[in-house]
Amino acid sequence: MRKFDSTRARWRKSSRSGQNGNCVEVARVDELVAVRDSKNPDGGRLDVGVQRFAALVVRIKRDELSL
């Protein structure tokens, strides 16, 4: 898998983000999607392949994830 090139990333916030500051940002570069916390953009980041990210979104929408 390629390494995520953060210099080419165009970050965007989730459309579900509220005004409370609990926001998720995503960026796609080539075949990778990165996810980060908007309050700590220099902190950790989750990098996944496009297909795996799409599968995660489907599971979230179906409420198939549990904590």
C-alpha atoms as a PDB file:
ATOM      1  CA  MET A   1       0.000   0.000   0.000  1.00  0.00           C
ATOM      2  CA  ARG A   2       1.229   3.483  -0.795  1.00  0.00           C
ATOM      3  CA  LYS A   3       2.048   6.001   1.886  1.00  0.00           C
ATOM      4  CA  PHE A   4      -0.452   8.838   2.343  1.00  0.00           C
ATOM      5  CA  ASP A   5       0.967  12.074   0.870  1.00  0.00           C
ATOM      6  CA  SER A   6      -0.306  14.706   3.312  1.00  0.00           C
ATOM      7  CA  THR A   7       1.104  17.544   1.186  1.00  0.00           C
ATOM      8  CA  ARG A   8      -1.568  16.758  -1.427  1.00  0.00           C
ATOM      9  CA  ALA A   9      -4.410  16.306   1.073  1.00  0.00           C
ATOM     10  CA  ARG A  10      -7.465  18.541   0.956  1.00  0.00           C
ATOM     11  CA  TRP A  11      -9.175  17.993   4.297  1.00  0.00           C
ATOM     12  CA  ARG A  12     -12.916  18.360   4.739  1.00  0.00           C
ATOM     13  CA  LYS A  13     -15.132  18.087   7.787  1.00  0.00           C
ATOM     14  CA  SER A  14     -17.949  15.643   8.103  1.00  0.00           C
ATOM     15  CA  SER A  15     -21.327  17.072   7.091  1.00  0.00           C
ATOM     16  CA  ARG A  16     -22.624  15.670  10.400  1.00  0.00           C
ATOM     17  CA  SER A  17     -20.236  17.773  12.493  1.00  0.00           C
ATOM     18  CA  GLY A  18     -21.954  20.015  14.958  1.00  0.00           C
ATOM     19  CA  GLN A  19     -20.930  23.220  16.677  1.00  0.00           C
ATOM     20  CA  ASN A  20     -19.554  21.404  19.750  1.00  0.00           C
ATOM     21  CA  GLY A  21     -16.106  20.928  18.197  1.00  0.00           C
ATOM     22  CA  ASN A  22     -16.329  17.118  17.952  1.00  0.00           C
ATOM     23  CA  CYS A  23     -15.444  16.944  14.280  1.00  0.00           C
ATOM     24  CA  VAL A  24     -13.936  14.351  12.015  1.00  0.00           C
ATOM     25  CA  GLU A  25     -12.033  15.359   8.896  1.00  0.00           C
ATOM     26  CA  VAL A  26     -11.288  13.174   5.904  1.00  0.00           C
ATOM     27  CA  ALA A  27      -9.001  13.535   2.911  1.00  0.00           C
ATOM     28  CA  ARG A  28      -8.488  11.325  -0.117  1.00  0.00           C
ATOM     29  CA  VAL A  29      -5.208  11.110  -1.988  1.00  0.00           C
ATOM     30  CA  ASP A  30      -5.058   8.564  -4.781  1.00  0.00           C
ATOM     31  CA  GLU A  31      -6.315   5.251  -3.371  1.00  0.00           C
ATOM     32  CA  LEU A  32      -6.009   6.192   0.304  1.00  0.00           C
ATOM     33  CA  VAL A  33      -8.395   7.939   2.677  1.00  0.00           C
ATOM     34  CA  ALA A  34      -7.148   9.546   5.873  1.00  0.00           C
ATOM     35  CA  VAL A  35      -9.295  10.352   8.919  1.00  0.00           C
ATOM     36  CA  ARG A  36      -8.274  12.734  11.692  1.00  0.00           C
ATOM     37  CA  ASP A  37      -9.650  14.711  14.621  1.00  0.00           C
ATOM     38  CA  SER A  38     -10.160  18.345  13.609  1.00  0.00           C
ATOM     39  CA  LYS A  39      -9.265  19.516  17.124  1.00  0.00           C
ATOM     40  CA  ASN A  40      -5.843  17.867  16.829  1.00  0.00           C
ATOM     41  CA  PRO A  41      -4.865  17.878  13.135  1.00  0.00           C
ATOM     42  CA  ASP A  42      -1.207  17.139  13.916  1.00  0.00           C
ATOM     43  CA  GLY A  43      -2.108  14.192  16.115  1.00  0.00           C
ATOM     44  CA  GLY A  44      -2.724  10.649  15.001  1.00  0.00           C
ATOM     45  CA  ARG A  45      -4.412   9.799  11.736  1.00  0.00           C
ATOM     46  CA  LEU A  46      -6.106   6.682  10.392  1.00  0.00           C
ATOM     47  CA  ASP A  47      -5.097   5.838   6.810  1.00  0.00           C
ATOM     48  CA  VAL A  48      -7.122   3.213   4.947  1.00  0.00           C
ATOM     49  CA  GLY A  49      -7.697   2.107   1.386  1.00  0.00           C
ATOM     50  CA  VAL A  50     -10.672   3.571  -0.471  1.00  0.00           C
ATOM     51  CA  GLN A  51     -12.561   0.253  -0.563  1.00  0.00           C
ATOM     52  CA  ARG A  52     -12.084  -0.379   3.144  1.00  0.00           C
ATOM     53  CA  PHE A  53     -13.207   3.166   3.956  1.00  0.00           C
ATOM     54  CA  ALA A  54     -16.330   2.705   1.823  1.00  0.00           C
ATOM     55  CA  ALA A  55     -17.095  -0.553   3.668  1.00  0.00           C
ATOM     56  CA  LEU A  56     -16.682   1.250   7.012  1.00  0.00           C
ATOM     57  CA  VAL A  57     -19.120   3.975   5.946  1.00  0.00           C
ATOM     58  CA  VAL A  58     -21.675   1.330   4.929  1.00  0.00           C
ATOM     59  CA  ARG A  59     -21.370  -0.357   8.342  1.00  0.00           C
ATOM     60  CA  ILE A  60     -21.742   2.983  10.131  1.00  0.00           C
ATOM     61  CA  LYS A  61     -24.876   3.837   8.156  1.00  0.00           C
ATOM     62  CA  ARG A  62     -26.344   0.399   8.992  1.00  0.00           C
ATOM     63  CA  ASP A  63     -25.478   0.929  12.676  1.00  0.00           C
ATOM     64  CA  GLU A  64     -23.453  -2.292  12.661  1.00  0.00           C
ATOM     65  CA  LEU A  65     -20.630  -1.051  14.879  1.00  0.00           C
ATOM     66  CA  SER A  66     -20.654  -1.486  18.620  1.00  0.00           C
ATOM     67  CA  LEU A  67     -18.379  -0.075  21.274  1.00  0.00           C
END
